[in-house]
Every structure is written in C-alpha cells, then in structure tokens.
Protein backbone atom coordinates (compact mmCIF):
# COMPACT_ATOMS: atom_id res chain seq x y z
CA MET A 1 0.00 0.00 0.00
CA ASP A 2 2.77 2.48 0.86
CA ALA A 3 4.53 1.82 -2.44
CA THR A 4 1.34 2.60 -4.34
CA ARG A 5 0.90 5.85 -2.41
CA ARG A 6 4.47 6.87 -3.16
CA THR A 7 3.97 6.01 -6.81
CA ARG A 8 0.81 8.09 -6.99
CA LEU A 9 2.60 11.02 -5.36
CA ALA A 10 5.46 10.59 -7.83
CA ASN A 11 2.91 10.62 -10.64
CA GLU A 12 1.50 13.89 -9.30
CA ARG A 13 4.99 15.43 -9.15
CA THR A 14 5.67 14.26 -12.69
CA TYR A 15 2.40 15.79 -13.86
CA LEU A 16 3.38 19.09 -12.25
CA ALA A 17 6.73 18.87 -14.05
CA TRP A 18 4.89 18.52 -17.38
CA LEU A 19 2.85 21.61 -16.47
CA ARG A 20 5.94 23.60 -15.43
CA THR A 21 7.66 22.68 -18.66
CA GLY A 22 4.60 23.74 -20.64
CA LEU A 23 4.42 27.07 -18.82
CA THR A 24 8.13 27.62 -19.41
CA ALA A 25 7.71 26.93 -23.12
CA LEU A 26 4.80 29.38 -23.14
CA ALA A 27 6.96 32.05 -21.49
CA VAL A 28 9.64 31.45 -24.13
CA ALA A 29 6.96 31.73 -26.82
CA VAL A 30 5.95 35.17 -25.55
CA GLY A 31 9.55 36.27 -25.17
CA VAL A 32 10.71 35.11 -28.57
CA GLY A 33 7.55 35.85 -30.51
CA LYS A 34 6.52 39.18 -29.02
CA ILE A 35 9.12 40.77 -26.77
CA VAL A 36 12.26 40.25 -28.88
CA PRO A 37 10.74 41.71 -32.06
CA GLY A 38 9.23 44.54 -30.04
CA VAL A 39 12.47 45.75 -28.47
CA THR A 40 14.93 45.03 -31.28
CA ASP A 41 15.27 45.97 -34.90
CA VAL A 42 14.62 42.56 -36.47
CA LYS A 43 12.14 41.17 -38.93
CA HIS A 44 9.07 40.20 -36.92
CA LEU A 45 7.79 37.22 -38.90
CA PRO A 46 10.60 34.71 -38.18
CA PHE A 47 10.45 35.43 -34.46
CA GLU A 48 6.66 35.31 -34.41
CA LEU A 49 6.71 31.92 -36.14
CA LEU A 50 9.33 30.70 -33.70
CA GLY A 51 7.18 31.94 -30.83
CA ALA A 52 4.19 30.10 -32.30
CA GLY A 53 6.30 26.93 -32.44
CA PHE A 54 7.14 27.26 -28.75
CA ALA A 55 3.45 27.87 -28.00
CA VAL A 56 2.50 24.67 -29.83
CA LEU A 57 5.17 22.83 -27.85
CA ALA A 58 3.74 24.31 -24.63
CA VAL A 59 0.24 23.08 -25.45
CA ALA A 60 1.66 19.65 -26.31
CA PHE A 61 3.48 19.46 -22.95
CA VAL A 62 0.40 20.44 -20.95
CA GLY A 63 -1.97 18.22 -22.93
CA TYR A 64 0.29 15.19 -22.97
CA GLY A 65 1.12 15.67 -19.29
CA ALA A 66 -2.56 15.42 -18.40
CA LEU A 67 -3.02 12.39 -20.64
CA ARG A 68 0.07 10.73 -19.18
CA PHE A 69 -1.09 11.42 -15.61
CA ARG A 70 -4.40 9.71 -16.34
CA ARG A 71 -2.78 6.71 -18.05
CA VAL A 72 -0.45 6.12 -15.11
CA GLU A 73 -3.35 6.40 -12.64
CA LEU A 74 -5.36 3.85 -14.62
CA ALA A 75 -2.35 1.55 -14.83
CA LEU A 76 -1.87 1.79 -11.07
CA ASP A 77 -5.53 0.97 -10.51
CA GLY A 78 -5.05 -2.19 -12.56
CA GLY A 79 -1.70 -3.12 -11.06
CA ALA A 80 0.07 -2.47 -14.36
CA PHE A 81 2.78 -0.16 -15.68
CA ALA A 82 2.35 2.62 -18.23
CA PRO A 83 5.71 3.33 -19.87
CA LEU A 84 6.44 6.52 -21.74
CA GLY A 85 6.46 5.63 -25.40
CA VAL A 86 9.75 5.92 -27.21
CA GLY A 87 8.05 7.74 -30.08
CA THR A 88 6.62 10.32 -27.70
CA ALA A 89 9.99 10.92 -26.06
CA ILE A 90 11.65 11.28 -29.46
CA ALA A 91 8.93 13.64 -30.71
CA PHE A 92 9.34 15.98 -27.73
CA ALA A 93 13.13 15.82 -28.00
CA VAL A 94 13.12 16.56 -31.73
CA GLY A 95 10.56 19.36 -31.34
CA GLY A 96 12.59 20.98 -28.57
CA ALA A 97 15.86 20.55 -30.44
CA VAL A 98 14.49 22.03 -33.66
CA LEU A 99 13.08 25.05 -31.83
CA GLY A 100 16.30 25.44 -29.85
CA VAL A 101 18.48 25.40 -32.95
CA ALA A 102 16.11 27.78 -34.73
CA THR A 103 16.33 30.15 -31.76
CA ILE A 104 20.11 30.10 -31.87
CA VAL A 105 20.11 30.70 -35.63
CA PHE A 106 17.61 33.58 -35.46
CA VAL A 107 19.32 35.26 -32.53
CA PHE A 108 22.81 35.08 -33.99
CA ALA A 109 21.71 35.80 -37.57
CA ASN A 110 20.11 39.05 -36.45
C-alpha cells in the first residue's frame, strides 16, 4: 500500500513537471515571438513563427502531461505499468531541439 501511495505522489509530481515545462515553453513563446521583435530591430515574422512553435510545444506538454497522468493512474488501478512511449519521447526531443536550434540561428543571424 505504501509503495502505491508513493507512486501516486510521484505521478502527481511528474504531472506538475509537465505543467511547469509547458508554462516555461509558453513564457519562451511570448519572449521570442513578441518581446524580442518589439524591443529590437529585427524582422518580426521569423520570431513570431518561432514563438508560435514554442506555443505549440507548450500546449503539447500540458496536454500530454494530463493524458500521461491519467494513463499512469489507470495503470496503477489495474496493477500495471504505463511506460512513456519511445516515439513520444523522441517527438518531444526533436521538437525541442528544432526550436532550440532555430532560436540560436535567429538570434545570432540578427
């Protein structure tokens, strides 16, 4: 029983980590897409598109975090395990890497 409680609490902490990551990506979206073009002399469109990309990533983090939380809870109820899919991990890693590289390119190109 104690192990299940600890696992549920760990699941809650992991869910909050997904939310924090989503909120961070949203803050980056606002910074890159709105603040940087507003205070510098750069073309707005590339930075606005980059900001939109970070916003999409933010929504994906928050949405998937909620879905993942629920899947783990259901797995715990059934005495099973709900692993993070390799494809999901790769998709988030690739999305973050592409946006990170694009940020570096846009910042240093301007």
